[in-house]
Amino acid sequence: MISIIDDDQSVRDAMGSLVRSLGYAAATFASAEEYLQSGHVRDSSCLITDLRMPGMSGADLQDLLIADGYTAPIIFMTASRDERVRKRVLNAGAFGFFRKPLDDQRLIDCLKNALRGAEMGGAGQSV
């Protein structure tokens, strides 16, 4: 299952449709807190999350998940141009980092590599 977190309903819908069109199961969440309370954290093969959201940020979610032993790949998407935060999440092990608007094909390639890399210990990408 691919878990998608974004506070923008249209982004969640579009991302969920894209992931499902690739043949993967997808679950969408409006916030990091909703995801954490969902019971799907350990079911997720990959997490695609917005960086900036009301409440807990994607970067703070990453920190919390890593501290809890979460090992599934995390792909970030954001409209932010904050280079410091990009470096922070990549240094913490993010598999991918994409700026909005997203290039669907690059995201698809990253997702496929993340799922393969999770099995093989591969590295991610930043766009």
N, C-alpha and C. Protein backbone atom coordinates (compact mmCIF):
# COMPACT_ATOMS: atom_id res chain seq x y z
N MET A 1 0.83 -1.18 0.00
CA MET A 1 0.00 0.00 0.00
C MET A 1 0.88 1.24 0.00
N ILE A 2 0.49 2.22 -0.83
CA ILE A 2 1.17 3.51 -0.88
C ILE A 2 0.30 4.49 -0.10
N SER A 3 0.86 5.12 0.91
CA SER A 3 0.13 6.11 1.70
C SER A 3 0.50 7.50 1.20
N ILE A 4 -0.52 8.33 1.04
CA ILE A 4 -0.35 9.68 0.50
C ILE A 4 -0.92 10.67 1.52
N ILE A 5 -0.10 11.66 1.90
CA ILE A 5 -0.54 12.67 2.86
C ILE A 5 -0.39 14.04 2.23
N ASP A 6 -1.49 14.76 2.16
CA ASP A 6 -1.46 16.15 1.68
C ASP A 6 -2.71 16.84 2.20
N ASP A 7 -2.59 18.08 2.64
CA ASP A 7 -3.75 18.79 3.15
C ASP A 7 -4.66 19.30 2.04
N ASP A 8 -4.22 19.23 0.79
CA ASP A 8 -5.01 19.67 -0.35
C ASP A 8 -5.76 18.47 -0.95
N GLN A 9 -7.09 18.50 -0.85
CA GLN A 9 -7.93 17.40 -1.33
C GLN A 9 -7.67 17.07 -2.80
N SER A 10 -7.51 18.09 -3.64
CA SER A 10 -7.30 17.83 -5.07
C SER A 10 -5.97 17.12 -5.31
N VAL A 11 -4.96 17.44 -4.55
CA VAL A 11 -3.66 16.75 -4.68
C VAL A 11 -3.82 15.30 -4.21
N ARG A 12 -4.50 15.09 -3.09
CA ARG A 12 -4.72 13.72 -2.61
C ARG A 12 -5.46 12.89 -3.64
N ASP A 13 -6.51 13.47 -4.22
CA ASP A 13 -7.30 12.73 -5.21
C ASP A 13 -6.47 12.39 -6.44
N ALA A 14 -5.73 13.39 -6.95
CA ALA A 14 -4.92 13.17 -8.14
C ALA A 14 -3.81 12.15 -7.88
N MET A 15 -3.14 12.28 -6.73
CA MET A 15 -2.06 11.36 -6.40
C MET A 15 -2.58 9.95 -6.19
N GLY A 16 -3.72 9.82 -5.50
CA GLY A 16 -4.32 8.52 -5.29
C GLY A 16 -4.69 7.86 -6.61
N SER A 17 -5.26 8.63 -7.54
CA SER A 17 -5.61 8.10 -8.86
C SER A 17 -4.38 7.67 -9.63
N LEU A 18 -3.33 8.47 -9.56
CA LEU A 18 -2.09 8.13 -10.26
C LEU A 18 -1.51 6.82 -9.72
N VAL A 19 -1.43 6.70 -8.41
CA VAL A 19 -0.87 5.49 -7.79
C VAL A 19 -1.72 4.26 -8.13
N ARG A 20 -3.04 4.41 -8.07
CA ARG A 20 -3.92 3.29 -8.40
C ARG A 20 -3.81 2.90 -9.87
N SER A 21 -3.59 3.88 -10.75
CA SER A 21 -3.45 3.59 -12.19
C SER A 21 -2.20 2.75 -12.46
N LEU A 22 -1.25 2.76 -11.54
CA LEU A 22 -0.03 1.95 -11.66
C LEU A 22 -0.22 0.55 -11.09
N GLY A 23 -1.41 0.29 -10.53
CA GLY A 23 -1.71 -1.03 -10.00
C GLY A 23 -1.44 -1.19 -8.52
N TYR A 24 -1.13 -0.11 -7.83
CA TYR A 24 -0.88 -0.16 -6.39
C TYR A 24 -2.13 0.24 -5.61
N ALA A 25 -2.25 -0.29 -4.42
CA ALA A 25 -3.29 0.17 -3.50
C ALA A 25 -2.82 1.50 -2.93
N ALA A 26 -3.75 2.41 -2.71
CA ALA A 26 -3.40 3.72 -2.17
C ALA A 26 -4.38 4.11 -1.07
N ALA A 27 -3.86 4.74 -0.04
CA ALA A 27 -4.68 5.31 1.02
C ALA A 27 -4.26 6.77 1.15
N THR A 28 -5.24 7.66 1.29
CA THR A 28 -4.93 9.09 1.36
C THR A 28 -5.33 9.65 2.72
N PHE A 29 -4.57 10.65 3.16
CA PHE A 29 -4.77 11.25 4.47
C PHE A 29 -4.60 12.75 4.36
N ALA A 30 -5.42 13.51 5.09
CA ALA A 30 -5.39 14.96 5.05
C ALA A 30 -4.31 15.57 5.94
N SER A 31 -3.72 14.77 6.83
CA SER A 31 -2.70 15.30 7.74
C SER A 31 -1.81 14.17 8.23
N ALA A 32 -0.67 14.56 8.74
CA ALA A 32 0.24 13.58 9.34
C ALA A 32 -0.42 12.92 10.54
N GLU A 33 -1.16 13.70 11.31
CA GLU A 33 -1.83 13.17 12.49
C GLU A 33 -2.87 12.11 12.10
N GLU A 34 -3.62 12.39 11.02
CA GLU A 34 -4.62 11.42 10.55
C GLU A 34 -3.93 10.11 10.13
N TYR A 35 -2.82 10.23 9.43
CA TYR A 35 -2.05 9.05 9.02
C TYR A 35 -1.58 8.25 10.25
N LEU A 36 -1.03 8.94 11.23
CA LEU A 36 -0.50 8.25 12.41
C LEU A 36 -1.60 7.52 13.19
N GLN A 37 -2.81 8.05 13.16
CA GLN A 37 -3.93 7.45 13.88
C GLN A 37 -4.68 6.41 13.06
N SER A 38 -4.32 6.24 11.79
CA SER A 38 -5.09 5.41 10.87
C SER A 38 -4.89 3.91 11.04
N GLY A 39 -3.79 3.51 11.61
CA GLY A 39 -3.48 2.08 11.66
C GLY A 39 -2.81 1.57 10.40
N HIS A 40 -2.50 2.47 9.44
CA HIS A 40 -1.87 2.06 8.18
C HIS A 40 -0.36 2.29 8.15
N VAL A 41 0.21 2.80 9.22
CA VAL A 41 1.64 3.13 9.19
C VAL A 41 2.48 1.90 8.85
N ARG A 42 2.24 0.81 9.51
CA ARG A 42 3.04 -0.40 9.27
C ARG A 42 2.64 -1.13 7.99
N ASP A 43 1.48 -0.78 7.41
CA ASP A 43 1.04 -1.39 6.15
C ASP A 43 1.62 -0.68 4.94
N SER A 44 2.19 0.48 5.13
CA SER A 44 2.67 1.29 4.01
C SER A 44 3.98 0.76 3.46
N SER A 45 4.00 0.52 2.15
CA SER A 45 5.23 0.13 1.47
C SER A 45 6.04 1.35 1.10
N CYS A 46 5.35 2.48 0.99
CA CYS A 46 5.99 3.76 0.66
C CYS A 46 5.06 4.87 1.12
N LEU A 47 5.63 5.97 1.51
CA LEU A 47 4.88 7.14 1.96
C LEU A 47 5.22 8.30 1.04
N ILE A 48 4.17 8.93 0.49
CA ILE A 48 4.34 10.16 -0.29
C ILE A 48 3.65 11.25 0.52
N THR A 49 4.42 12.27 0.91
CA THR A 49 3.85 13.28 1.80
C THR A 49 4.23 14.69 1.38
N ASP A 50 3.29 15.59 1.61
CA ASP A 50 3.57 17.01 1.47
C ASP A 50 4.54 17.40 2.58
N LEU A 51 5.34 18.39 2.33
CA LEU A 51 6.28 18.86 3.33
C LEU A 51 5.62 19.82 4.31
N ARG A 52 4.87 20.77 3.78
CA ARG A 52 4.25 21.80 4.62
C ARG A 52 2.76 21.57 4.71
N MET A 53 2.30 21.31 5.94
CA MET A 53 0.89 21.08 6.21
C MET A 53 0.56 21.70 7.56
N PRO A 54 -0.71 22.05 7.77
CA PRO A 54 -1.10 22.50 9.12
C PRO A 54 -0.83 21.37 10.12
N GLY A 55 -0.50 21.72 11.33
CA GLY A 55 -0.16 20.70 12.32
C GLY A 55 1.25 20.21 12.09
N MET A 56 1.42 18.91 12.13
CA MET A 56 2.75 18.30 11.97
C MET A 56 3.21 18.39 10.52
N SER A 57 4.43 18.86 10.31
CA SER A 57 4.99 18.95 8.96
C SER A 57 5.44 17.56 8.50
N GLY A 58 5.67 17.44 7.21
CA GLY A 58 6.19 16.19 6.68
C GLY A 58 7.56 15.85 7.24
N ALA A 59 8.40 16.87 7.44
CA ALA A 59 9.74 16.66 8.01
C ALA A 59 9.64 16.16 9.44
N ASP A 60 8.72 16.73 10.22
CA ASP A 60 8.55 16.27 11.60
C ASP A 60 7.98 14.85 11.63
N LEU A 61 7.09 14.55 10.69
CA LEU A 61 6.57 13.18 10.58
C LEU A 61 7.70 12.21 10.28
N GLN A 62 8.57 12.57 9.36
CA GLN A 62 9.72 11.73 9.03
C GLN A 62 10.56 11.47 10.28
N ASP A 63 10.86 12.51 11.05
CA ASP A 63 11.66 12.35 12.27
C ASP A 63 10.98 11.37 13.24
N LEU A 64 9.69 11.54 13.42
CA LEU A 64 8.95 10.69 14.34
C LEU A 64 8.95 9.23 13.85
N LEU A 65 8.71 9.03 12.56
CA LEU A 65 8.67 7.67 12.01
C LEU A 65 10.03 6.98 12.12
N ILE A 66 11.08 7.70 11.81
CA ILE A 66 12.43 7.13 11.90
C ILE A 66 12.74 6.75 13.34
N ALA A 67 12.40 7.62 14.28
CA ALA A 67 12.63 7.33 15.70
C ALA A 67 11.86 6.09 16.14
N ASP A 68 10.75 5.80 15.45
CA ASP A 68 9.91 4.64 15.78
C ASP A 68 10.31 3.40 14.99
N GLY A 69 11.39 3.49 14.21
CA GLY A 69 11.87 2.33 13.47
C GLY A 69 11.25 2.13 12.10
N TYR A 70 10.56 3.13 11.57
CA TYR A 70 9.93 3.05 10.25
C TYR A 70 11.01 2.96 9.18
N THR A 71 10.90 2.01 8.28
CA THR A 71 11.94 1.83 7.27
C THR A 71 11.44 1.97 5.83
N ALA A 72 10.14 2.12 5.62
CA ALA A 72 9.63 2.27 4.26
C ALA A 72 10.11 3.59 3.67
N PRO A 73 10.31 3.63 2.34
CA PRO A 73 10.77 4.87 1.71
C PRO A 73 9.75 6.00 1.86
N ILE A 74 10.28 7.22 2.00
CA ILE A 74 9.44 8.41 2.09
C ILE A 74 9.81 9.34 0.93
N ILE A 75 8.79 9.76 0.19
CA ILE A 75 8.95 10.70 -0.91
C ILE A 75 8.23 11.98 -0.52
N PHE A 76 8.93 13.10 -0.63
CA PHE A 76 8.36 14.40 -0.29
C PHE A 76 7.97 15.16 -1.54
N MET A 77 6.88 15.94 -1.41
CA MET A 77 6.47 16.88 -2.44
C MET A 77 6.16 18.20 -1.75
N THR A 78 6.51 19.31 -2.41
CA THR A 78 6.31 20.62 -1.78
C THR A 78 6.32 21.73 -2.81
N ALA A 79 5.68 22.81 -2.47
CA ALA A 79 5.76 24.04 -3.25
C ALA A 79 6.88 24.94 -2.70
N SER A 80 7.44 24.56 -1.57
CA SER A 80 8.46 25.35 -0.89
C SER A 80 9.79 25.31 -1.64
N ARG A 81 10.51 26.40 -1.55
CA ARG A 81 11.86 26.49 -2.14
C ARG A 81 12.92 26.51 -1.03
N ASP A 82 12.58 26.06 0.16
CA ASP A 82 13.48 26.10 1.31
C ASP A 82 14.55 25.01 1.16
N GLU A 83 15.71 25.41 0.74
CA GLU A 83 16.82 24.47 0.49
C GLU A 83 17.27 23.78 1.78
N ARG A 84 17.21 24.50 2.89
CA ARG A 84 17.62 23.94 4.17
C ARG A 84 16.76 22.73 4.54
N VAL A 85 15.46 22.86 4.35
CA VAL A 85 14.54 21.76 4.68
C VAL A 85 14.73 20.61 3.70
N ARG A 86 14.95 20.92 2.42
CA ARG A 86 15.20 19.87 1.43
C ARG A 86 16.42 19.04 1.85
N LYS A 87 17.48 19.71 2.21
CA LYS A 87 18.69 19.01 2.66
C LYS A 87 18.41 18.20 3.92
N ARG A 88 17.64 18.77 4.83
CA ARG A 88 17.32 18.08 6.09
C ARG A 88 16.65 16.73 5.84
N VAL A 89 15.59 16.75 5.00
CA VAL A 89 14.84 15.49 4.81
C VAL A 89 15.64 14.49 3.98
N LEU A 90 16.41 14.98 3.02
CA LEU A 90 17.24 14.06 2.23
C LEU A 90 18.35 13.45 3.09
N ASN A 91 18.97 14.27 3.93
CA ASN A 91 20.01 13.75 4.83
C ASN A 91 19.46 12.76 5.84
N ALA A 92 18.17 12.91 6.17
CA ALA A 92 17.53 11.99 7.12
C ALA A 92 17.08 10.70 6.42
N GLY A 93 17.25 10.64 5.10
CA GLY A 93 16.94 9.39 4.39
C GLY A 93 15.75 9.42 3.46
N ALA A 94 15.19 10.60 3.16
CA ALA A 94 14.08 10.66 2.21
C ALA A 94 14.51 10.03 0.89
N PHE A 95 13.62 9.28 0.29
CA PHE A 95 13.94 8.63 -0.98
C PHE A 95 13.83 9.59 -2.15
N GLY A 96 12.92 10.55 -2.06
CA GLY A 96 12.75 11.50 -3.14
C GLY A 96 12.23 12.83 -2.61
N PHE A 97 12.46 13.88 -3.38
CA PHE A 97 12.02 15.22 -3.03
C PHE A 97 11.64 15.93 -4.32
N PHE A 98 10.36 16.28 -4.45
CA PHE A 98 9.85 16.89 -5.66
C PHE A 98 9.16 18.21 -5.36
N ARG A 99 9.39 19.18 -6.22
CA ARG A 99 8.70 20.45 -6.09
C ARG A 99 7.44 20.43 -6.95
N LYS A 100 6.39 21.05 -6.40
CA LYS A 100 5.13 21.16 -7.13
C LYS A 100 5.25 22.33 -8.10
N PRO A 101 4.65 22.25 -9.27
CA PRO A 101 3.84 21.14 -9.75
C PRO A 101 4.72 19.94 -10.10
N LEU A 102 4.20 18.77 -9.84
CA LEU A 102 4.97 17.55 -10.02
C LEU A 102 5.04 17.13 -11.48
N ASP A 103 6.17 16.55 -11.83
CA ASP A 103 6.32 15.88 -13.12
C ASP A 103 5.91 14.43 -12.87
N ASP A 104 4.73 14.05 -13.37
CA ASP A 104 4.18 12.72 -13.07
C ASP A 104 5.15 11.59 -13.40
N GLN A 105 5.81 11.67 -14.55
CA GLN A 105 6.70 10.57 -14.94
C GLN A 105 7.89 10.45 -14.00
N ARG A 106 8.45 11.55 -13.58
CA ARG A 106 9.57 11.49 -12.62
C ARG A 106 9.11 10.92 -11.28
N LEU A 107 7.92 11.30 -10.86
CA LEU A 107 7.38 10.76 -9.61
C LEU A 107 7.13 9.26 -9.75
N ILE A 108 6.57 8.83 -10.87
CA ILE A 108 6.33 7.40 -11.11
C ILE A 108 7.63 6.64 -11.06
N ASP A 109 8.65 7.16 -11.74
CA ASP A 109 9.97 6.50 -11.74
C ASP A 109 10.53 6.42 -10.34
N CYS A 110 10.41 7.50 -9.58
CA CYS A 110 10.90 7.51 -8.20
C CYS A 110 10.15 6.50 -7.35
N LEU A 111 8.83 6.45 -7.49
CA LEU A 111 8.03 5.50 -6.72
C LEU A 111 8.43 4.07 -7.03
N LYS A 112 8.57 3.75 -8.30
CA LYS A 112 8.98 2.39 -8.67
C LYS A 112 10.37 2.06 -8.12
N ASN A 113 11.29 3.02 -8.22
CA ASN A 113 12.63 2.82 -7.66
C ASN A 113 12.59 2.68 -6.15
N ALA A 114 11.73 3.46 -5.50
CA ALA A 114 11.61 3.38 -4.04
C ALA A 114 11.13 2.01 -3.62
N LEU A 115 10.16 1.48 -4.33
CA LEU A 115 9.64 0.15 -3.98
C LEU A 115 10.68 -0.93 -4.25
N ARG A 116 11.43 -0.79 -5.35
CA ARG A 116 12.54 -1.72 -5.61
C ARG A 116 13.66 -1.52 -4.61
N GLY A 117 13.98 -0.23 -4.34
CA GLY A 117 15.08 0.11 -3.44
C GLY A 117 14.83 -0.31 -2.01
N ALA A 118 13.57 -0.32 -1.62
CA ALA A 118 13.24 -0.76 -0.25
C ALA A 118 13.66 -2.20 -0.06
N GLU A 119 13.60 -2.96 -1.12
CA GLU A 119 14.03 -4.37 -1.06
C GLU A 119 15.54 -4.50 -1.19
N MET A 120 16.18 -3.49 -1.86
CA MET A 120 17.60 -3.62 -2.17
C MET A 120 18.47 -2.57 -1.50
N GLY A 121 17.88 -1.66 -0.72
CA GLY A 121 18.67 -0.64 -0.05
C GLY A 121 19.12 0.49 -0.98
N GLY A 122 18.32 0.82 -2.00
CA GLY A 122 18.68 1.83 -2.99
C GLY A 122 18.56 3.25 -2.50
N ALA A 123 19.10 4.18 -3.27
CA ALA A 123 19.07 5.60 -2.94
C ALA A 123 18.00 6.32 -3.74
N GLY A 124 17.63 7.48 -3.29
CA GLY A 124 16.55 8.23 -3.90
C GLY A 124 17.01 9.32 -4.84
N GLN A 125 16.10 10.28 -5.08
CA GLN A 125 16.39 11.36 -6.00
C GLN A 125 15.71 12.64 -5.55
N SER A 126 16.21 13.74 -6.07
CA SER A 126 15.64 15.04 -5.76
C SER A 126 15.43 15.80 -7.05
N VAL A 127 14.26 16.43 -7.16
CA VAL A 127 13.95 17.22 -8.36
C VAL A 127 13.46 18.58 -7.92
